[in-house]
Amino acid sequence: MHRIDVVYSLITNEAKTKVLMVKNKDNERWTLPGGPKLISKREYSKVK
């Protein structure tokens, strides 16, 4: 099993009545902004 670090953000307007969502190109689904954290090969070898 490989470790994958993932980060998501919950961004609202000041009144907290709206949430920022992004539409994914690959599957047309709406999600929170974020995704896998890209790391260098050097960093990856430390995590194994």
Protein backbone atom coordinates (compact mmCIF):
# COMPACT_ATOMS: atom_id res chain seq x y z
CA MET A 1 0.00 0.00 0.00
CA HIS A 2 1.29 3.48 -0.90
CA ARG A 3 0.69 6.55 1.22
CA ILE A 4 -1.02 9.45 -0.56
CA ASP A 5 -1.29 12.77 1.27
CA VAL A 6 -4.47 14.64 0.34
CA VAL A 7 -5.52 18.17 1.22
CA TYR A 8 -8.98 19.73 0.83
CA SER A 9 -10.26 23.21 1.71
CA LEU A 10 -13.66 24.42 2.85
CA ILE A 11 -13.96 27.99 1.57
CA THR A 12 -17.10 30.01 2.31
CA ASN A 13 -18.24 33.57 1.83
CA GLU A 14 -18.30 35.84 4.90
CA ALA A 15 -21.96 35.06 5.63
CA LYS A 16 -21.22 31.33 5.37
CA THR A 17 -24.14 30.88 3.00
CA LYS A 18 -22.07 29.74 0.00
CA VAL A 19 -19.30 27.16 -0.45
CA LEU A 20 -16.66 27.18 -3.19
CA MET A 21 -16.83 23.99 -5.28
CA VAL A 22 -14.83 22.90 -8.35
CA LYS A 23 -16.05 20.78 -11.25
CA ASN A 24 -13.63 17.95 -12.08
CA LYS A 25 -12.77 17.61 -15.76
CA ASP A 26 -12.34 13.83 -15.69
CA ASN A 27 -15.71 12.83 -14.20
CA GLU A 28 -17.81 16.03 -14.28
CA ARG A 29 -18.43 15.82 -10.49
CA TRP A 30 -18.40 18.79 -8.12
CA THR A 31 -15.99 18.58 -5.15
CA LEU A 32 -14.20 20.76 -2.64
CA PRO A 33 -10.97 22.34 -3.93
CA GLY A 34 -7.93 20.21 -3.23
CA GLY A 35 -6.42 16.87 -4.06
CA PRO A 36 -3.23 14.87 -3.74
CA LYS A 37 -0.13 16.68 -2.57
CA LEU A 38 2.65 16.38 -5.13
CA ILE A 39 6.00 15.47 -3.60
CA SER A 40 9.46 15.04 -5.05
CA LYS A 41 11.15 11.64 -5.45
CA ARG A 42 13.47 12.56 -2.58
CA GLU A 43 10.54 13.30 -0.25
CA TYR A 44 8.75 10.13 -1.43
CA SER A 45 11.71 7.92 -0.55
CA LYS A 46 11.61 9.27 3.04
CA VAL A 47 7.91 8.35 3.42
CA LYS A 48 8.19 4.71 2.28
